[in-house]
Amino acid sequence: FEDFLDELPPEAQNEALQGLRDVVALGGLGRGSTSAGQQGLAVGGDL
């Protein structure tokens, strides 16, 4: 992923970054982790 981002021109990095963020969010769902969107708070235990 570092090599991929590094090879992109700066104007293409934002779109690629959003795609990678989507992958991160999806991957987190796989192990039952807690996630929150922008302006959110995720808690995996007591709050």
ModelCIF file with pLDDT and N, C-alpha, C, O atoms, coordinates in Angstrom:
data_MODEL
#
_entry.id   MODEL 
#
_entity.id                         1 
_entity.type                       polymer 
_entity.pdbx_number_of_molecules   1 
#
_entity_poly.entity_id                      1 
_entity_poly.type                           'polypeptide(L)' 
_entity_poly.nstd_linkage                   no 
_entity_poly.nstd_monomer                   no 
_entity_poly.pdbx_seq_one_letter_code       FEDFLDELPPEAQNEALQGLRDVVALGGLGRGSTSAGQQGLAVGGDL 
_entity_poly.pdbx_seq_one_letter_code_can   FEDFLDELPPEAQNEALQGLRDVVALGGLGRGSTSAGQQGLAVGGDL 
_entity_poly.pdbx_strand_id                 A 
#
loop_
_entity_poly_seq.entity_id 
_entity_poly_seq.num 
_entity_poly_seq.mon_id 
_entity_poly_seq.hetero 
1 1  PHE n 
1 2  GLU n 
1 3  ASP n 
1 4  PHE n 
1 5  LEU n 
1 6  ASP n 
1 7  GLU n 
1 8  LEU n 
1 9  PRO n 
1 10 PRO n 
1 11 GLU n 
1 12 ALA n 
1 13 GLN n 
1 14 ASN n 
1 15 GLU n 
1 16 ALA n 
1 17 LEU n 
1 18 GLN n 
1 19 GLY n 
1 20 LEU n 
1 21 ARG n 
1 22 ASP n 
1 23 VAL n 
1 24 VAL n 
1 25 ALA n 
1 26 LEU n 
1 27 GLY n 
1 28 GLY n 
1 29 LEU n 
1 30 GLY n 
1 31 ARG n 
1 32 GLY n 
1 33 SER n 
1 34 THR n 
1 35 SER n 
1 36 ALA n 
1 37 GLY n 
1 38 GLN n 
1 39 GLN n 
1 40 GLY n 
1 41 LEU n 
1 42 ALA n 
1 43 VAL n 
1 44 GLY n 
1 45 GLY n 
1 46 ASP n 
1 47 LEU n 
#
_struct_asym.id          A 
_struct_asym.entity_id   1 
#
loop_
_ma_qa_metric.id 
_ma_qa_metric.mode 
_ma_qa_metric.name 
_ma_qa_metric.software_group_id 
_ma_qa_metric.type 
1 global pLDDT . pLDDT 
2 local  pLDDT . pLDDT 
#
_ma_qa_metric_global.metric_id      1 
_ma_qa_metric_global.metric_value   75.15 
_ma_qa_metric_global.model_id       1 
_ma_qa_metric_global.ordinal_id     1 
#
loop_
_ma_qa_metric_local.label_asym_id 
_ma_qa_metric_local.label_comp_id 
_ma_qa_metric_local.label_seq_id 
_ma_qa_metric_local.metric_id 
_ma_qa_metric_local.metric_value 
_ma_qa_metric_local.model_id 
_ma_qa_metric_local.ordinal_id 
A PHE 1  2 95.00 1 1  
A GLU 2  2 94.00 1 2  
A ASP 3  2 94.00 1 3  
A PHE 4  2 94.00 1 4  
A LEU 5  2 92.00 1 5  
A ASP 6  2 90.00 1 6  
A GLU 7  2 91.00 1 7  
A LEU 8  2 89.00 1 8  
A PRO 9  2 89.00 1 9  
A PRO 10 2 84.00 1 10 
A GLU 11 2 85.00 1 11 
A ALA 12 2 87.00 1 12 
A GLN 13 2 85.00 1 13 
A ASN 14 2 84.00 1 14 
A GLU 15 2 87.00 1 15 
A ALA 16 2 89.00 1 16 
A LEU 17 2 89.00 1 17 
A GLN 18 2 89.00 1 18 
A GLY 19 2 91.00 1 19 
A LEU 20 2 93.00 1 20 
A ARG 21 2 92.00 1 21 
A ASP 22 2 91.00 1 22 
A VAL 23 2 92.00 1 23 
A VAL 24 2 92.00 1 24 
A ALA 25 2 89.00 1 25 
A LEU 26 2 86.00 1 26 
A GLY 27 2 82.00 1 27 
A GLY 28 2 76.00 1 28 
A LEU 29 2 74.00 1 29 
A GLY 30 2 64.00 1 30 
A ARG 31 2 58.00 1 31 
A GLY 32 2 52.00 1 32 
A SER 33 2 48.00 1 33 
A THR 34 2 50.00 1 34 
A SER 35 2 50.00 1 35 
A ALA 36 2 53.00 1 36 
A GLY 37 2 51.00 1 37 
A GLN 38 2 48.00 1 38 
A GLN 39 2 48.00 1 39 
A GLY 40 2 55.00 1 40 
A LEU 41 2 56.00 1 41 
A ALA 42 2 56.00 1 42 
A VAL 43 2 54.00 1 43 
A GLY 44 2 51.00 1 44 
A GLY 45 2 55.00 1 45 
A ASP 46 2 58.00 1 46 
A LEU 47 2 60.00 1 47 
#
loop_
_atom_site.group_PDB 
_atom_site.id 
_atom_site.type_symbol 
_atom_site.label_atom_id 
_atom_site.label_alt_id 
_atom_site.label_comp_id 
_atom_site.label_asym_id 
_atom_site.label_entity_id 
_atom_site.label_seq_id 
_atom_site.pdbx_PDB_ins_code 
_atom_site.Cartn_x 
_atom_site.Cartn_y 
_atom_site.Cartn_z 
_atom_site.occupancy 
_atom_site.B_iso_or_equiv 
_atom_site.pdbx_formal_charge 
_atom_site.auth_seq_id 
_atom_site.auth_comp_id 
_atom_site.auth_asym_id 
_atom_site.auth_atom_id 
_atom_site.pdbx_PDB_model_num 
ATOM 1   N N  . PHE A 1 1  ? 0.824   -1.209  0.000  1.00 95.00 ? 1  PHE A N  1 
ATOM 2   C CA . PHE A 1 1  ? 0.000   0.000   0.000  1.00 95.00 ? 1  PHE A CA 1 
ATOM 3   C C  . PHE A 1 1  ? 0.862   1.264   0.000  1.00 95.00 ? 1  PHE A C  1 
ATOM 4   O O  . PHE A 1 1  ? 0.522   2.243   -0.664 1.00 95.00 ? 1  PHE A O  1 
ATOM 5   N N  . GLU A 1 2  ? 1.963   1.250   0.732  1.00 94.00 ? 2  GLU A N  1 
ATOM 6   C CA . GLU A 1 2  ? 2.872   2.405   0.723  1.00 94.00 ? 2  GLU A CA 1 
ATOM 7   C C  . GLU A 1 2  ? 3.427   2.635   -0.685 1.00 94.00 ? 2  GLU A C  1 
ATOM 8   O O  . GLU A 1 2  ? 3.435   3.762   -1.179 1.00 94.00 ? 2  GLU A O  1 
ATOM 9   N N  . ASP A 1 3  ? 3.886   1.565   -1.319 1.00 94.00 ? 3  ASP A N  1 
ATOM 10  C CA . ASP A 1 3  ? 4.429   1.689   -2.677 1.00 94.00 ? 3  ASP A CA 1 
ATOM 11  C C  . ASP A 1 3  ? 3.362   2.209   -3.637 1.00 94.00 ? 3  ASP A C  1 
ATOM 12  O O  . ASP A 1 3  ? 3.633   3.074   -4.470 1.00 94.00 ? 3  ASP A O  1 
ATOM 13  N N  . PHE A 1 4  ? 2.155   1.678   -3.513 1.00 94.00 ? 4  PHE A N  1 
ATOM 14  C CA . PHE A 1 4  ? 1.049   2.116   -4.363 1.00 94.00 ? 4  PHE A CA 1 
ATOM 15  C C  . PHE A 1 4  ? 0.803   3.616   -4.205 1.00 94.00 ? 4  PHE A C  1 
ATOM 16  O O  . PHE A 1 4  ? 0.725   4.339   -5.198 1.00 94.00 ? 4  PHE A O  1 
ATOM 17  N N  . LEU A 1 5  ? 0.681   4.087   -2.959 1.00 92.00 ? 5  LEU A N  1 
ATOM 18  C CA . LEU A 1 5  ? 0.421   5.508   -2.717 1.00 92.00 ? 5  LEU A CA 1 
ATOM 19  C C  . LEU A 1 5  ? 1.582   6.378   -3.170 1.00 92.00 ? 5  LEU A C  1 
ATOM 20  O O  . LEU A 1 5  ? 1.385   7.463   -3.716 1.00 92.00 ? 5  LEU A O  1 
ATOM 21  N N  . ASP A 1 6  ? 2.784   5.894   -2.938 1.00 90.00 ? 6  ASP A N  1 
ATOM 22  C CA . ASP A 1 6  ? 3.971   6.666   -3.289 1.00 90.00 ? 6  ASP A CA 1 
ATOM 23  C C  . ASP A 1 6  ? 4.129   6.847   -4.799 1.00 90.00 ? 6  ASP A C  1 
ATOM 24  O O  . ASP A 1 6  ? 4.670   7.856   -5.249 1.00 90.00 ? 6  ASP A O  1 
ATOM 25  N N  . GLU A 1 7  ? 3.663   5.882   -5.576 1.00 91.00 ? 7  GLU A N  1 
ATOM 26  C CA . GLU A 1 7  ? 3.785   5.941   -7.037 1.00 91.00 ? 7  GLU A CA 1 
ATOM 27  C C  . GLU A 1 7  ? 2.740   6.839   -7.684 1.00 91.00 ? 7  GLU A C  1 
ATOM 28  O O  . GLU A 1 7  ? 2.874   7.200   -8.853 1.00 91.00 ? 7  GLU A O  1 
ATOM 29  N N  . LEU A 1 8  ? 1.706   7.203   -6.941 1.00 89.00 ? 8  LEU A N  1 
ATOM 30  C CA . LEU A 1 8  ? 0.630   8.014   -7.510 1.00 89.00 ? 8  LEU A CA 1 
ATOM 31  C C  . LEU A 1 8  ? 1.006   9.489   -7.532 1.00 89.00 ? 8  LEU A C  1 
ATOM 32  O O  . LEU A 1 8  ? 1.706   9.976   -6.644 1.00 89.00 ? 8  LEU A O  1 
ATOM 33  N N  . PRO A 1 9  ? 0.533   10.196  -8.557 1.00 89.00 ? 9  PRO A N  1 
ATOM 34  C CA . PRO A 1 9  ? 0.703   11.651  -8.542 1.00 89.00 ? 9  PRO A CA 1 
ATOM 35  C C  . PRO A 1 9  ? -0.148  12.234  -7.402 1.00 89.00 ? 9  PRO A C  1 
ATOM 36  O O  . PRO A 1 9  ? -1.170  11.649  -7.043 1.00 89.00 ? 9  PRO A O  1 
ATOM 37  N N  . PRO A 1 10 ? 0.255   13.365  -6.838 1.00 84.00 ? 10 PRO A N  1 
ATOM 38  C CA . PRO A 1 10 ? -0.473  13.939  -5.694 1.00 84.00 ? 10 PRO A CA 1 
ATOM 39  C C  . PRO A 1 10 ? -1.976  14.100  -5.928 1.00 84.00 ? 10 PRO A C  1 
ATOM 40  O O  . PRO A 1 10 ? -2.767  13.897  -5.006 1.00 84.00 ? 10 PRO A O  1 
ATOM 41  N N  . GLU A 1 11 ? -2.377  14.461  -7.141 1.00 85.00 ? 11 GLU A N  1 
ATOM 42  C CA . GLU A 1 11 ? -3.802  14.671  -7.410 1.00 85.00 ? 11 GLU A CA 1 
ATOM 43  C C  . GLU A 1 11 ? -4.599  13.361  -7.375 1.00 85.00 ? 11 GLU A C  1 
ATOM 44  O O  . GLU A 1 11 ? -5.817  13.401  -7.202 1.00 85.00 ? 11 GLU A O  1 
ATOM 45  N N  . ALA A 1 12 ? -3.959  12.222  -7.530 1.00 87.00 ? 12 ALA A N  1 
ATOM 46  C CA . ALA A 1 12 ? -4.640  10.924  -7.490 1.00 87.00 ? 12 ALA A CA 1 
ATOM 47  C C  . ALA A 1 12 ? -4.605  10.302  -6.098 1.00 87.00 ? 12 ALA A C  1 
ATOM 48  O O  . ALA A 1 12 ? -5.325  9.340   -5.833 1.00 87.00 ? 12 ALA A O  1 
ATOM 49  N N  . GLN A 1 13 ? -3.782  10.837  -5.213 1.00 85.00 ? 13 GLN A N  1 
ATOM 50  C CA . GLN A 1 13 ? -3.639  10.248  -3.882 1.00 85.00 ? 13 GLN A CA 1 
ATOM 51  C C  . GLN A 1 13 ? -4.907  10.354  -3.042 1.00 85.00 ? 13 GLN A C  1 
ATOM 52  O O  . GLN A 1 13 ? -5.215  9.432   -2.287 1.00 85.00 ? 13 GLN A O  1 
ATOM 53  N N  . ASN A 1 14 ? -5.648  11.451  -3.152 1.00 84.00 ? 14 ASN A N  1 
ATOM 54  C CA . ASN A 1 14 ? -6.859  11.607  -2.332 1.00 84.00 ? 14 ASN A CA 1 
ATOM 55  C C  . ASN A 1 14 ? -7.894  10.537  -2.635 1.00 84.00 ? 14 ASN A C  1 
ATOM 56  O O  . ASN A 1 14 ? -8.487  9.967   -1.719 1.00 84.00 ? 14 ASN A O  1 
ATOM 57  N N  . GLU A 1 15 ? -8.114  10.264  -3.904 1.00 87.00 ? 15 GLU A N  1 
ATOM 58  C CA . GLU A 1 15 ? -9.079  9.228   -4.279 1.00 87.00 ? 15 GLU A CA 1 
ATOM 59  C C  . GLU A 1 15 ? -8.598  7.854   -3.809 1.00 87.00 ? 15 GLU A C  1 
ATOM 60  O O  . GLU A 1 15 ? -9.380  7.061   -3.284 1.00 87.00 ? 15 GLU A O  1 
ATOM 61  N N  . ALA A 1 16 ? -7.323  7.582   -3.999 1.00 89.00 ? 16 ALA A N  1 
ATOM 62  C CA . ALA A 1 16 ? -6.764  6.304   -3.561 1.00 89.00 ? 16 ALA A CA 1 
ATOM 63  C C  . ALA A 1 16 ? -6.828  6.181   -2.043 1.00 89.00 ? 16 ALA A C  1 
ATOM 64  O O  . ALA A 1 16 ? -7.089  5.105   -1.505 1.00 89.00 ? 16 ALA A O  1 
ATOM 65  N N  . LEU A 1 17 ? -6.589  7.287   -1.370 1.00 89.00 ? 17 LEU A N  1 
ATOM 66  C CA . LEU A 1 17 ? -6.645  7.296   0.095  1.00 89.00 ? 17 LEU A CA 1 
ATOM 67  C C  . LEU A 1 17 ? -8.039  6.943   0.582  1.00 89.00 ? 17 LEU A C  1 
ATOM 68  O O  . LEU A 1 17 ? -8.187  6.192   1.546  1.00 89.00 ? 17 LEU A O  1 
ATOM 69  N N  . GLN A 1 18 ? -9.068  7.477   -0.076 1.00 89.00 ? 18 GLN A N  1 
ATOM 70  C CA . GLN A 1 18 ? -10.440 7.152   0.308  1.00 89.00 ? 18 GLN A CA 1 
ATOM 71  C C  . GLN A 1 18 ? -10.726 5.673   0.056  1.00 89.00 ? 18 GLN A C  1 
ATOM 72  O O  . GLN A 1 18 ? -11.393 5.028   0.864  1.00 89.00 ? 18 GLN A O  1 
ATOM 73  N N  . GLY A 1 19 ? -10.232 5.136   -1.046 1.00 91.00 ? 19 GLY A N  1 
ATOM 74  C CA . GLY A 1 19 ? -10.403 3.721   -1.320 1.00 91.00 ? 19 GLY A CA 1 
ATOM 75  C C  . GLY A 1 19 ? -9.735  2.853   -0.268 1.00 91.00 ? 19 GLY A C  1 
ATOM 76  O O  . GLY A 1 19 ? -10.278 1.824   0.133  1.00 91.00 ? 19 GLY A O  1 
ATOM 77  N N  . LEU A 1 20 ? -8.565  3.267   0.176  1.00 93.00 ? 20 LEU A N  1 
ATOM 78  C CA . LEU A 1 20 ? -7.855  2.513   1.211  1.00 93.00 ? 20 LEU A CA 1 
ATOM 79  C C  . LEU A 1 20 ? -8.564  2.642   2.555  1.00 93.00 ? 20 LEU A C  1 
ATOM 80  O O  . LEU A 1 20 ? -8.605  1.685   3.327  1.00 93.00 ? 20 LEU A O  1 
ATOM 81  N N  . ARG A 1 21 ? -9.116  3.802   2.838  1.00 92.00 ? 21 ARG A N  1 
ATOM 82  C CA . ARG A 1 21 ? -9.901  3.968   4.077  1.00 92.00 ? 21 ARG A CA 1 
ATOM 83  C C  . ARG A 1 21 ? -11.106 3.026   4.069  1.00 92.00 ? 21 ARG A C  1 
ATOM 84  O O  . ARG A 1 21 ? -11.448 2.449   5.101  1.00 92.00 ? 21 ARG A O  1 
ATOM 85  N N  . ASP A 1 22 ? -11.742 2.871   2.924  1.00 91.00 ? 22 ASP A N  1 
ATOM 86  C CA . ASP A 1 22 ? -12.870 1.945   2.808  1.00 91.00 ? 22 ASP A CA 1 
ATOM 87  C C  . ASP A 1 22 ? -12.431 0.516   3.103  1.00 91.00 ? 22 ASP A C  1 
ATOM 88  O O  . ASP A 1 22 ? -13.143 -0.228  3.779  1.00 91.00 ? 22 ASP A O  1 
ATOM 89  N N  . VAL A 1 23 ? -11.265 0.134   2.600  1.00 92.00 ? 23 VAL A N  1 
ATOM 90  C CA . VAL A 1 23 ? -10.725 -1.199  2.868  1.00 92.00 ? 23 VAL A CA 1 
ATOM 91  C C  . VAL A 1 23 ? -10.488 -1.376  4.366  1.00 92.00 ? 23 VAL A C  1 
ATOM 92  O O  . VAL A 1 23 ? -10.812 -2.420  4.933  1.00 92.00 ? 23 VAL A O  1 
ATOM 93  N N  . VAL A 1 24 ? -9.925  -0.357  5.000  1.00 92.00 ? 24 VAL A N  1 
ATOM 94  C CA . VAL A 1 24 ? -9.654  -0.419  6.446  1.00 92.00 ? 24 VAL A CA 1 
ATOM 95  C C  . VAL A 1 24 ? -10.959 -0.591  7.219  1.00 92.00 ? 24 VAL A C  1 
ATOM 96  O O  . VAL A 1 24 ? -11.035 -1.408  8.136  1.00 92.00 ? 24 VAL A O  1 
ATOM 97  N N  . ALA A 1 25 ? -11.975 0.168   6.857  1.00 89.00 ? 25 ALA A N  1 
ATOM 98  C CA . ALA A 1 25 ? -13.261 0.061   7.550  1.00 89.00 ? 25 ALA A CA 1 
ATOM 99  C C  . ALA A 1 25 ? -13.872 -1.326  7.370  1.00 89.00 ? 25 ALA A C  1 
ATOM 100 O O  . ALA A 1 25 ? -14.377 -1.912  8.328  1.00 89.00 ? 25 ALA A O  1 
ATOM 101 N N  . LEU A 1 26 ? -13.828 -1.847  6.159  1.00 86.00 ? 26 LEU A N  1 
ATOM 102 C CA . LEU A 1 26 ? -14.368 -3.183  5.902  1.00 86.00 ? 26 LEU A CA 1 
ATOM 103 C C  . LEU A 1 26 ? -13.581 -4.257  6.644  1.00 86.00 ? 26 LEU A C  1 
ATOM 104 O O  . LEU A 1 26 ? -14.166 -5.167  7.231  1.00 86.00 ? 26 LEU A O  1 
ATOM 105 N N  . GLY A 1 27 ? -12.265 -4.152  6.617  1.00 82.00 ? 27 GLY A N  1 
ATOM 106 C CA . GLY A 1 27 ? -11.421 -5.142  7.286  1.00 82.00 ? 27 GLY A CA 1 
ATOM 107 C C  . GLY A 1 27 ? -11.674 -5.191  8.775  1.00 82.00 ? 27 GLY A C  1 
ATOM 108 O O  . GLY A 1 27 ? -11.621 -6.258  9.386  1.00 82.00 ? 27 GLY A O  1 
ATOM 109 N N  . GLY A 1 28 ? -11.951 -4.042  9.358  1.00 76.00 ? 28 GLY A N  1 
ATOM 110 C CA . GLY A 1 28 ? -12.247 -3.993  10.786 1.00 76.00 ? 28 GLY A CA 1 
ATOM 111 C C  . GLY A 1 28 ? -13.528 -4.716  11.144 1.00 76.00 ? 28 GLY A C  1 
ATOM 112 O O  . GLY A 1 28 ? -13.663 -5.219  12.259 1.00 76.00 ? 28 GLY A O  1 
ATOM 113 N N  . LEU A 1 29 ? -14.460 -4.776  10.225 1.00 74.00 ? 29 LEU A N  1 
ATOM 114 C CA . LEU A 1 29 ? -15.720 -5.473  10.474 1.00 74.00 ? 29 LEU A CA 1 
ATOM 115 C C  . LEU A 1 29 ? -15.517 -6.978  10.564 1.00 74.00 ? 29 LEU A C  1 
ATOM 116 O O  . LEU A 1 29 ? -16.337 -7.682  11.154 1.00 74.00 ? 29 LEU A O  1 
ATOM 117 N N  . GLY A 1 30 ? -14.444 -7.468  9.990  1.00 64.00 ? 30 GLY A N  1 
ATOM 118 C CA . GLY A 1 30 ? -14.208 -8.904  9.927  1.00 64.00 ? 30 GLY A CA 1 
ATOM 119 C C  . GLY A 1 30 ? -13.972 -9.570  11.253 1.00 64.00 ? 30 GLY A C  1 
ATOM 120 O O  . GLY A 1 30 ? -14.319 -10.738 11.425 1.00 64.00 ? 30 GLY A O  1 
ATOM 121 N N  . ARG A 1 31 ? -13.406 -8.878  12.175 1.00 58.00 ? 31 ARG A N  1 
ATOM 122 C CA . ARG A 1 31 ? -13.087 -9.486  13.470 1.00 58.00 ? 31 ARG A CA 1 
ATOM 123 C C  . ARG A 1 31 ? -13.969 -8.977  14.598 1.00 58.00 ? 31 ARG A C  1 
ATOM 124 O O  . ARG A 1 31 ? -13.629 -9.094  15.776 1.00 58.00 ? 31 ARG A O  1 
ATOM 125 N N  . GLY A 1 32 ? -15.110 -8.407  14.215 1.00 52.00 ? 32 GLY A N  1 
ATOM 126 C CA . GLY A 1 32 ? -16.037 -7.956  15.241 1.00 52.00 ? 32 GLY A CA 1 
ATOM 127 C C  . GLY A 1 32 ? -15.543 -6.726  15.965 1.00 52.00 ? 32 GLY A C  1 
ATOM 128 O O  . GLY A 1 32 ? -15.976 -6.461  17.086 1.00 52.00 ? 32 GLY A O  1 
ATOM 129 N N  . SER A 1 33 ? -14.663 -5.979  15.369 1.00 48.00 ? 33 SER A N  1 
ATOM 130 C CA . SER A 1 33 ? -14.179 -4.772  16.015 1.00 48.00 ? 33 SER A CA 1 
ATOM 131 C C  . SER A 1 33 ? -15.237 -3.690  15.926 1.00 48.00 ? 33 SER A C  1 
ATOM 132 O O  . SER A 1 33 ? -16.214 -3.820  15.189 1.00 48.00 ? 33 SER A O  1 
ATOM 133 N N  . THR A 1 34 ? -15.042 -2.658  16.657 1.00 50.00 ? 34 THR A N  1 
ATOM 134 C CA . THR A 1 34 ? -15.972 -1.557  16.692 1.00 50.00 ? 34 THR A CA 1 
ATOM 135 C C  . THR A 1 34 ? -15.447 -0.448  15.810 1.00 50.00 ? 34 THR A C  1 
ATOM 136 O O  . THR A 1 34 ? -14.255 -0.139  15.837 1.00 50.00 ? 34 THR A O  1 
ATOM 137 N N  . SER A 1 35 ? -16.327 0.156   15.026 1.00 50.00 ? 35 SER A N  1 
ATOM 138 C CA . SER A 1 35 ? -15.899 1.253   14.176 1.00 50.00 ? 35 SER A CA 1 
ATOM 139 C C  . SER A 1 35 ? -16.957 2.343   14.171 1.00 50.00 ? 35 SER A C  1 
ATOM 140 O O  . SER A 1 35 ? -18.129 2.093   14.452 1.00 50.00 ? 35 SER A O  1 
ATOM 141 N N  . ALA A 1 36 ? -16.525 3.560   13.848 1.00 53.00 ? 36 ALA A N  1 
ATOM 142 C CA . ALA A 1 36 ? -17.437 4.695   13.776 1.00 53.00 ? 36 ALA A CA 1 
ATOM 143 C C  . ALA A 1 36 ? -17.052 5.552   12.590 1.00 53.00 ? 36 ALA A C  1 
ATOM 144 O O  . ALA A 1 36 ? -15.886 5.608   12.198 1.00 53.00 ? 36 ALA A O  1 
ATOM 145 N N  . GLY A 1 37 ? -18.030 6.213   12.029 1.00 51.00 ? 37 GLY A N  1 
ATOM 146 C CA . GLY A 1 37 ? -17.758 7.106   10.916 1.00 51.00 ? 37 GLY A CA 1 
ATOM 147 C C  . GLY A 1 37 ? -17.201 8.424   11.400 1.00 51.00 ? 37 GLY A C  1 
ATOM 148 O O  . GLY A 1 37 ? -16.814 8.566   12.560 1.00 51.00 ? 37 GLY A O  1 
ATOM 149 N N  . GLN A 1 38 ? -17.166 9.391   10.491 1.00 48.00 ? 38 GLN A N  1 
ATOM 150 C CA . GLN A 1 38 ? -16.673 10.708  10.858 1.00 48.00 ? 38 GLN A CA 1 
ATOM 151 C C  . GLN A 1 38 ? -17.537 11.268  11.981 1.00 48.00 ? 38 GLN A C  1 
ATOM 152 O O  . GLN A 1 38 ? -18.746 11.042  12.018 1.00 48.00 ? 38 GLN A O  1 
ATOM 153 N N  . GLN A 1 39 ? -16.916 11.988  12.877 1.00 48.00 ? 39 GLN A N  1 
ATOM 154 C CA . GLN A 1 39 ? -17.578 12.616  14.018 1.00 48.00 ? 39 GLN A CA 1 
ATOM 155 C C  . GLN A 1 39 ? -18.190 11.584  14.959 1.00 48.00 ? 39 GLN A C  1 
ATOM 156 O O  . GLN A 1 39 ? -19.049 11.929  15.770 1.00 48.00 ? 39 GLN A O  1 
ATOM 157 N N  . GLY A 1 40 ? -17.765 10.330  14.868 1.00 55.00 ? 40 GLY A N  1 
ATOM 158 C CA . GLY A 1 40 ? -18.321 9.277   15.696 1.00 55.00 ? 40 GLY A CA 1 
ATOM 159 C C  . GLY A 1 40 ? -17.366 8.863   16.785 1.00 55.00 ? 40 GLY A C  1 
ATOM 160 O O  . GLY A 1 40 ? -16.189 9.224   16.773 1.00 55.00 ? 40 GLY A O  1 
ATOM 161 N N  . LEU A 1 41 ? -17.879 8.108   17.719 1.00 56.00 ? 41 LEU A N  1 
ATOM 162 C CA . LEU A 1 41 ? -17.085 7.544   18.800 1.00 56.00 ? 41 LEU A CA 1 
ATOM 163 C C  . LEU A 1 41 ? -17.377 6.053   18.836 1.00 56.00 ? 41 LEU A C  1 
ATOM 164 O O  . LEU A 1 41 ? -18.532 5.649   18.973 1.00 56.00 ? 41 LEU A O  1 
ATOM 165 N N  . ALA A 1 42 ? -16.362 5.249   18.716 1.00 56.00 ? 42 ALA A N  1 
ATOM 166 C CA . ALA A 1 42 ? -16.528 3.800   18.748 1.00 56.00 ? 42 ALA A CA 1 
ATOM 167 C C  . ALA A 1 42 ? -15.984 3.277   20.060 1.00 56.00 ? 42 ALA A C  1 
ATOM 168 O O  . ALA A 1 42 ? -14.884 3.640   20.476 1.00 56.00 ? 42 ALA A O  1 
ATOM 169 N N  . VAL A 1 43 ? -16.751 2.430   20.705 1.00 54.00 ? 43 VAL A N  1 
ATOM 170 C CA . VAL A 1 43 ? -16.354 1.868   21.985 1.00 54.00 ? 43 VAL A CA 1 
ATOM 171 C C  . VAL A 1 43 ? -16.542 0.369   21.919 1.00 54.00 ? 43 VAL A C  1 
ATOM 172 O O  . VAL A 1 43 ? -17.631 -0.116  21.614 1.00 54.00 ? 43 VAL A O  1 
ATOM 173 N N  . GLY A 1 44 ? -15.484 -0.361  22.205 1.00 51.00 ? 44 GLY A N  1 
ATOM 174 C CA . GLY A 1 44 ? -15.554 -1.815  22.177 1.00 51.00 ? 44 GLY A CA 1 
ATOM 175 C C  . GLY A 1 44 ? -15.840 -2.416  23.529 1.00 51.00 ? 44 GLY A C  1 
ATOM 176 O O  . GLY A 1 44 ? -15.918 -3.640  23.638 1.00 51.00 ? 44 GLY A O  1 
ATOM 177 N N  . GLY A 1 45 ? -15.999 -1.625  24.552 1.00 55.00 ? 45 GLY A N  1 
ATOM 178 C CA . GLY A 1 45 ? -16.276 -2.104  25.903 1.00 55.00 ? 45 GLY A CA 1 
ATOM 179 C C  . GLY A 1 45 ? -17.359 -1.251  26.530 1.00 55.00 ? 45 GLY A C  1 
ATOM 180 O O  . GLY A 1 45 ? -18.337 -0.890  25.876 1.00 55.00 ? 45 GLY A O  1 
ATOM 181 N N  . ASP A 1 46 ? -17.181 -0.931  27.804 1.00 58.00 ? 46 ASP A N  1 
ATOM 182 C CA . ASP A 1 46 ? -18.157 -0.117  28.509 1.00 58.00 ? 46 ASP A CA 1 
ATOM 183 C C  . ASP A 1 46 ? -17.946 1.361   28.223 1.00 58.00 ? 46 ASP A C  1 
ATOM 184 O O  . ASP A 1 46 ? -16.815 1.818   28.058 1.00 58.00 ? 46 ASP A O  1 
ATOM 185 N N  . LEU A 1 47 ? -19.036 2.098   28.168 1.00 60.00 ? 47 LEU A N  1 
ATOM 186 C CA . LEU A 1 47 ? -19.002 3.544   28.014 1.00 60.00 ? 47 LEU A CA 1 
ATOM 187 C C  . LEU A 1 47 ? -19.918 4.131   29.057 1.00 60.00 ? 47 LEU A C  1 
ATOM 188 O O  . LEU A 1 47 ? -20.064 5.351   29.135 1.00 60.00 ? 47 LEU A O  1 
#
